[in-house]
Amino acid sequence: MDDSPRYMISVAAELVGMHPQTLRIYENKGLVRPKRTPGNTRLYSDADLERLRTIQQMTELGLNLAGVERVIALQDELLRLQARLERMERRMQEEIARVHKQYRRDLVPYSQSTELLPTRTTRTTTWTFKS
């Protein structure tokens, strides 16, 4: 999703099928946060438009703005937690790789064709390999 601000409020409102005043209300409620130009003009991104469409769908389903705010807050938290989980999984994989690199490389690999057979000497048992 593109976060580049590019649409003025009139264009954004037309693209999502809402009145510009509705977009201002949603901004005041904190449901959408368009970027501002140095002249204080609102500029909406594609991500903002997608959020506005989501809000529109929820209100059409019967949610009031308080419900929409809660759903969006939960969605945002879910995205934040998913990103955190991905970072933790990446660190875990890196740590596993680091531990694997520390394994002793001087150990002889086991081969099924090699048998370890006991041989008796006078008082001790000695183990020898037989191929």
Foldseek 3Di string as FASTA:
>chain_A
DDADFDAFLVRLCVVLVHDSVVVVVCVVVVQAPFDADPVRTGTGDPVRSVSVNVLVVVVVVPDDVVRSVVVVVVVVVVVVVVVVVVVVVVVVVVVVVVVVVPDDPPDDDDDPVKDWDWDDDDPDIDTDIDD
